[in-house]
Amino acid sequence: MKILLAALAIVAVATPALADNDTPTRAQRAAVMKTLRAAGCTSPSNIERDDGGYEVDNARCKDGVYDITLSADLRMVSREKDTND
């Protein structure tokens, strides 16, 4: 029983840390926003770290709303227009 409780405690402690792995740091978020502004985009609904880069949801750009993927060095990898407006 003690082993089971210890295992559950480890999972409970590790789970929030794993969930936060997708959340960019304040500095990373600022760098992503700087890149987006340079591309003429603002106000994303969400920014996540993904596959070594960043996934940006619903960024408002001059010509519409886009989901944007950035590489780890903040180069735009893809830009897909959101058709759910």
N, C-alpha and C. Protein backbone atom coordinates (compact mmCIF):
# COMPACT_ATOMS: atom_id res chain seq x y z
N MET A 1 0.81 -1.20 0.00
CA MET A 1 0.00 0.00 0.00
C MET A 1 0.86 1.27 0.00
N LYS A 2 1.96 1.24 0.78
CA LYS A 2 2.84 2.40 0.82
C LYS A 2 3.45 2.68 -0.55
N ILE A 3 3.77 1.61 -1.29
CA ILE A 3 4.34 1.79 -2.63
C ILE A 3 3.32 2.45 -3.55
N LEU A 4 2.07 2.02 -3.47
CA LEU A 4 1.01 2.60 -4.29
C LEU A 4 0.83 4.08 -3.97
N LEU A 5 0.81 4.44 -2.70
CA LEU A 5 0.67 5.83 -2.30
C LEU A 5 1.86 6.67 -2.75
N ALA A 6 3.05 6.10 -2.66
CA ALA A 6 4.24 6.81 -3.12
C ALA A 6 4.17 7.04 -4.62
N ALA A 7 3.73 6.04 -5.38
CA ALA A 7 3.61 6.17 -6.83
C ALA A 7 2.57 7.23 -7.19
N LEU A 8 1.45 7.24 -6.50
CA LEU A 8 0.41 8.25 -6.75
C LEU A 8 0.92 9.65 -6.42
N ALA A 9 1.70 9.77 -5.37
CA ALA A 9 2.26 11.08 -5.01
C ALA A 9 3.22 11.57 -6.08
N ILE A 10 4.02 10.68 -6.63
CA ILE A 10 4.95 11.06 -7.69
C ILE A 10 4.19 11.52 -8.93
N VAL A 11 3.16 10.78 -9.30
CA VAL A 11 2.35 11.16 -10.46
C VAL A 11 1.68 12.50 -10.23
N ALA A 12 1.15 12.72 -9.03
CA ALA A 12 0.48 13.98 -8.72
C ALA A 12 1.43 15.16 -8.80
N VAL A 13 2.66 14.97 -8.37
CA VAL A 13 3.66 16.04 -8.41
C VAL A 13 4.17 16.25 -9.83
N ALA A 14 4.36 15.19 -10.59
CA ALA A 14 4.93 15.29 -11.93
C ALA A 14 3.92 15.77 -12.96
N THR A 15 2.65 15.51 -12.80
CA THR A 15 1.65 15.86 -13.80
C THR A 15 1.58 17.35 -14.08
N PRO A 16 1.52 18.24 -13.09
CA PRO A 16 1.51 19.67 -13.41
C PRO A 16 2.77 20.11 -14.14
N ALA A 17 3.90 19.55 -13.79
CA ALA A 17 5.14 19.91 -14.46
C ALA A 17 5.10 19.50 -15.92
N LEU A 18 4.54 18.35 -16.20
CA LEU A 18 4.43 17.91 -17.58
C LEU A 18 3.46 18.79 -18.36
N ALA A 19 2.39 19.19 -17.76
CA ALA A 19 1.41 20.03 -18.43
C ALA A 19 2.01 21.39 -18.78
N ASP A 20 2.90 21.91 -17.94
CA ASP A 20 3.50 23.21 -18.18
C ASP A 20 4.59 23.19 -19.25
N ASN A 21 4.98 22.02 -19.73
CA ASN A 21 6.02 21.96 -20.75
C ASN A 21 5.59 22.64 -22.04
N ASP A 22 4.30 22.75 -22.29
CA ASP A 22 3.80 23.40 -23.50
C ASP A 22 3.69 24.91 -23.35
N THR A 23 3.78 25.39 -22.12
CA THR A 23 3.61 26.81 -21.87
C THR A 23 4.95 27.53 -22.03
N PRO A 24 5.00 28.52 -22.93
CA PRO A 24 6.26 29.25 -23.10
C PRO A 24 6.54 30.13 -21.88
N THR A 25 7.82 30.39 -21.67
CA THR A 25 8.20 31.32 -20.60
C THR A 25 7.79 32.72 -21.01
N ARG A 26 7.85 33.63 -20.08
CA ARG A 26 7.51 35.03 -20.38
C ARG A 26 8.42 35.59 -21.48
N ALA A 27 9.71 35.27 -21.42
CA ALA A 27 10.66 35.74 -22.44
C ALA A 27 10.36 35.12 -23.81
N GLN A 28 10.03 33.84 -23.82
CA GLN A 28 9.70 33.18 -25.09
C GLN A 28 8.44 33.78 -25.68
N ARG A 29 7.45 34.00 -24.84
CA ARG A 29 6.19 34.61 -25.32
C ARG A 29 6.45 36.00 -25.90
N ALA A 30 7.29 36.78 -25.24
CA ALA A 30 7.62 38.12 -25.73
C ALA A 30 8.32 38.04 -27.09
N ALA A 31 9.22 37.08 -27.25
CA ALA A 31 9.92 36.91 -28.53
C ALA A 31 8.96 36.49 -29.64
N VAL A 32 8.02 35.61 -29.32
CA VAL A 32 7.01 35.19 -30.30
C VAL A 32 6.16 36.40 -30.69
N MET A 33 5.73 37.18 -29.73
CA MET A 33 4.91 38.36 -30.02
C MET A 33 5.66 39.37 -30.88
N LYS A 34 6.95 39.54 -30.64
CA LYS A 34 7.76 40.45 -31.45
C LYS A 34 7.79 39.96 -32.90
N THR A 35 7.95 38.66 -33.09
CA THR A 35 7.95 38.07 -34.44
C THR A 35 6.59 38.27 -35.11
N LEU A 36 5.52 38.04 -34.36
CA LEU A 36 4.18 38.22 -34.91
C LEU A 36 3.93 39.67 -35.32
N ARG A 37 4.31 40.60 -34.47
CA ARG A 37 4.12 42.03 -34.80
C ARG A 37 4.91 42.41 -36.05
N ALA A 38 6.10 41.86 -36.19
CA ALA A 38 6.91 42.14 -37.39
C ALA A 38 6.23 41.62 -38.65
N ALA A 39 5.42 40.57 -38.50
CA ALA A 39 4.69 40.00 -39.64
C ALA A 39 3.32 40.66 -39.81
N GLY A 40 3.02 41.66 -38.98
CA GLY A 40 1.75 42.36 -39.08
C GLY A 40 0.60 41.66 -38.37
N CYS A 41 0.91 40.86 -37.35
CA CYS A 41 -0.12 40.10 -36.64
C CYS A 41 -0.11 40.46 -35.15
N THR A 42 -1.28 40.31 -34.53
CA THR A 42 -1.42 40.60 -33.10
C THR A 42 -2.43 39.64 -32.48
N SER A 43 -2.60 39.76 -31.20
CA SER A 43 -3.68 39.16 -30.42
C SER A 43 -3.96 37.68 -30.65
N PRO A 44 -2.97 36.80 -30.54
CA PRO A 44 -3.27 35.38 -30.66
C PRO A 44 -4.10 34.92 -29.46
N SER A 45 -4.94 33.93 -29.68
CA SER A 45 -5.72 33.41 -28.56
C SER A 45 -4.90 32.47 -27.69
N ASN A 46 -3.82 31.90 -28.27
CA ASN A 46 -3.00 30.95 -27.52
C ASN A 46 -1.63 30.82 -28.17
N ILE A 47 -0.61 30.65 -27.35
CA ILE A 47 0.74 30.35 -27.81
C ILE A 47 1.23 29.14 -27.02
N GLU A 48 1.67 28.10 -27.72
CA GLU A 48 2.20 26.91 -27.06
C GLU A 48 3.55 26.54 -27.65
N ARG A 49 4.41 25.95 -26.83
CA ARG A 49 5.64 25.35 -27.34
C ARG A 49 5.24 24.01 -27.94
N ASP A 50 5.77 23.72 -29.12
CA ASP A 50 5.37 22.50 -29.81
C ASP A 50 6.49 22.03 -30.73
N ASP A 51 6.92 20.80 -30.57
CA ASP A 51 7.93 20.18 -31.43
C ASP A 51 9.17 21.07 -31.60
N GLY A 52 9.64 21.66 -30.53
CA GLY A 52 10.84 22.48 -30.58
C GLY A 52 10.59 23.90 -31.08
N GLY A 53 9.38 24.23 -31.45
CA GLY A 53 9.03 25.56 -31.91
C GLY A 53 7.82 26.07 -31.17
N TYR A 54 7.00 26.84 -31.87
CA TYR A 54 5.83 27.45 -31.25
C TYR A 54 4.62 27.33 -32.16
N GLU A 55 3.48 27.11 -31.55
CA GLU A 55 2.21 27.04 -32.26
C GLU A 55 1.37 28.22 -31.77
N VAL A 56 0.94 29.05 -32.71
CA VAL A 56 0.18 30.25 -32.38
C VAL A 56 -1.22 30.09 -32.96
N ASP A 57 -2.23 30.24 -32.13
CA ASP A 57 -3.61 30.08 -32.58
C ASP A 57 -4.30 31.42 -32.73
N ASN A 58 -5.02 31.57 -33.83
CA ASN A 58 -5.91 32.71 -34.07
C ASN A 58 -5.24 34.08 -33.97
N ALA A 59 -4.08 34.21 -34.59
CA ALA A 59 -3.41 35.51 -34.63
C ALA A 59 -4.16 36.40 -35.62
N ARG A 60 -4.44 37.61 -35.21
CA ARG A 60 -5.14 38.55 -36.10
C ARG A 60 -4.10 39.29 -36.93
N CYS A 61 -4.16 39.03 -38.23
CA CYS A 61 -3.22 39.64 -39.18
C CYS A 61 -3.99 40.61 -40.08
N LYS A 62 -3.28 41.39 -40.87
CA LYS A 62 -3.91 42.41 -41.72
C LYS A 62 -4.94 41.81 -42.66
N ASP A 63 -4.70 40.59 -43.13
CA ASP A 63 -5.59 40.00 -44.13
C ASP A 63 -6.41 38.84 -43.58
N GLY A 64 -6.55 38.73 -42.27
CA GLY A 64 -7.39 37.69 -41.69
C GLY A 64 -6.81 37.11 -40.41
N VAL A 65 -7.43 36.04 -39.96
CA VAL A 65 -7.02 35.35 -38.73
C VAL A 65 -6.29 34.07 -39.14
N TYR A 66 -5.13 33.82 -38.51
CA TYR A 66 -4.29 32.70 -38.90
C TYR A 66 -3.83 31.88 -37.71
N ASP A 67 -3.62 30.60 -37.96
CA ASP A 67 -2.87 29.72 -37.07
C ASP A 67 -1.46 29.69 -37.65
N ILE A 68 -0.47 29.98 -36.84
CA ILE A 68 0.90 30.14 -37.31
C ILE A 68 1.82 29.20 -36.54
N THR A 69 2.74 28.58 -37.25
CA THR A 69 3.76 27.76 -36.63
C THR A 69 5.10 28.45 -36.82
N LEU A 70 5.84 28.58 -35.71
CA LEU A 70 7.18 29.18 -35.74
C LEU A 70 8.20 28.13 -35.33
N SER A 71 9.37 28.19 -35.93
CA SER A 71 10.45 27.29 -35.54
C SER A 71 11.05 27.77 -34.21
N ALA A 72 11.95 26.99 -33.66
CA ALA A 72 12.59 27.35 -32.39
C ALA A 72 13.33 28.69 -32.50
N ASP A 73 13.85 29.00 -33.68
CA ASP A 73 14.55 30.27 -33.87
C ASP A 73 13.61 31.36 -34.42
N LEU A 74 12.30 31.13 -34.24
CA LEU A 74 11.25 32.11 -34.52
C LEU A 74 11.06 32.44 -36.01
N ARG A 75 11.44 31.53 -36.87
CA ARG A 75 11.11 31.70 -38.30
C ARG A 75 9.73 31.12 -38.54
N MET A 76 8.95 31.77 -39.40
CA MET A 76 7.61 31.29 -39.70
C MET A 76 7.71 30.04 -40.57
N VAL A 77 7.16 28.94 -40.08
CA VAL A 77 7.19 27.66 -40.78
C VAL A 77 5.91 27.49 -41.59
N SER A 78 4.77 27.86 -40.99
CA SER A 78 3.51 27.77 -41.72
C SER A 78 2.56 28.83 -41.21
N ARG A 79 1.62 29.15 -42.08
CA ARG A 79 0.61 30.16 -41.76
C ARG A 79 -0.67 29.72 -42.45
N GLU A 80 -1.63 29.27 -41.66
CA GLU A 80 -2.86 28.71 -42.21
C GLU A 80 -4.04 29.60 -41.81
N LYS A 81 -4.77 30.07 -42.82
CA LYS A 81 -5.91 30.96 -42.54
C LYS A 81 -7.00 30.20 -41.80
N ASP A 82 -7.50 30.83 -40.75
CA ASP A 82 -8.58 30.26 -39.96
C ASP A 82 -9.88 30.58 -40.69
N THR A 83 -10.60 29.57 -41.09
CA THR A 83 -11.83 29.77 -41.85
C THR A 83 -13.07 29.75 -40.98
N ASN A 84 -12.88 29.77 -39.66
CA ASN A 84 -14.02 29.74 -38.72
C ASN A 84 -14.43 31.12 -38.26
N ASP A 85 -14.23 32.12 -39.06
CA ASP A 85 -14.61 33.51 -38.67
C ASP A 85 -16.10 33.68 -38.65
